[in-house]
Each structure stands twice: as C-alpha cells, then as structure tokens.
Amino acid sequence: MPGHPDQGSALCFVGLLVLLLLFLVVRCVRILLDPYSSMPSSTWLGHKEGLDRGQFDYAIV
C-alpha cells in the first residue's frame, strides 16, 4: 500500500524534532545533576565587596 508523497519528508521532520528533544533532555539532566559545571566561575566565586552596583537588581525584589 503506497503512502502519501509527503510522508517521507514529514517523517524526516518528526525525526529531527525527536533528536532535538533528546538533545535538550540530556542537556537539562546534565545541568540538574551538576549545575555548577555549566555556570561561569565568575558568577559563583563572588566579589570581595559583594555584588557590583546595578548587578542582579532582581535579588532585591
């Protein structure tokens, strides 16, 4: 039974979406298991005088 002519391109598109989803899931799991490895070291080492003026304004809220 022959399929629709666009069935091959639709399956290719779905396959690419599944690969993208798997990549994002693996990346999120790695970040959850070791969050500090993906963060730049300057953000968690801190400053001697605390946060710079204007940096992380949302921390005050």
Protein backbone atom coordinates (compact mmCIF):
# COMPACT_ATOMS: atom_id res chain seq x y z
CA MET A 1 0.00 0.00 0.00
CA PRO A 2 1.74 3.18 -1.16
CA GLY A 3 1.97 6.09 1.25
CA HIS A 4 1.32 9.75 0.72
CA PRO A 5 4.06 11.53 -1.30
CA ASP A 6 4.85 13.90 1.58
CA GLN A 7 5.06 11.13 4.15
CA GLY A 8 8.85 10.81 3.84
CA SER A 9 9.52 14.48 4.47
CA ALA A 10 7.06 14.51 7.38
CA LEU A 11 8.81 11.54 8.98
CA CYS A 12 12.18 13.23 8.47
CA PHE A 13 10.87 16.39 10.15
CA VAL A 14 9.45 14.41 13.08
CA GLY A 15 12.74 12.54 13.40
CA LEU A 16 14.68 15.80 13.57
CA LEU A 17 12.29 17.09 16.24
CA VAL A 18 12.77 13.91 18.28
CA LEU A 19 16.57 14.27 18.04
CA LEU A 20 16.35 17.89 19.16
CA LEU A 21 14.11 16.92 22.06
CA LEU A 22 16.50 14.16 23.16
CA PHE A 23 19.45 16.57 22.98
CA LEU A 24 17.62 19.11 25.14
CA VAL A 25 16.54 16.48 27.67
CA VAL A 26 20.11 15.18 28.03
CA ARG A 27 21.40 18.74 28.42
CA CYS A 28 18.80 19.57 31.09
CA VAL A 29 19.55 16.37 33.03
CA ARG A 30 23.29 17.16 32.97
CA ILE A 31 22.60 20.67 34.27
CA LEU A 32 20.37 19.30 37.04
CA LEU A 33 22.99 16.74 38.11
CA ASP A 34 25.90 19.20 38.13
CA PRO A 35 24.66 22.80 37.94
CA TYR A 36 27.96 24.48 38.80
CA SER A 37 29.88 22.99 35.88
CA SER A 38 27.71 24.84 33.33
CA MET A 39 27.92 28.16 35.18
CA PRO A 40 30.83 30.54 34.57
CA SER A 41 33.17 30.56 37.56
CA SER A 42 32.94 34.35 37.93
CA THR A 43 29.27 34.12 38.92
CA TRP A 44 29.75 31.79 41.88
CA LEU A 45 33.15 32.90 43.17
CA GLY A 46 31.69 36.23 44.26
CA HIS A 47 33.32 39.59 44.80
CA LYS A 48 35.15 40.83 47.87
CA GLU A 49 32.79 43.77 48.26
CA GLY A 50 29.67 41.85 47.28
CA LEU A 51 27.63 42.46 44.18
CA ASP A 52 28.54 45.31 41.88
CA ARG A 53 26.15 48.24 41.76
CA GLY A 54 23.32 47.50 39.34
CA GLN A 55 24.15 43.80 39.11
CA PHE A 56 21.36 41.36 39.98
CA ASP A 57 18.77 44.05 40.67
CA TYR A 58 16.13 41.33 40.86
CA ALA A 59 17.80 39.96 44.04
CA ILE A 60 16.47 42.98 45.96
CA VAL A 61 12.86 42.41 44.90
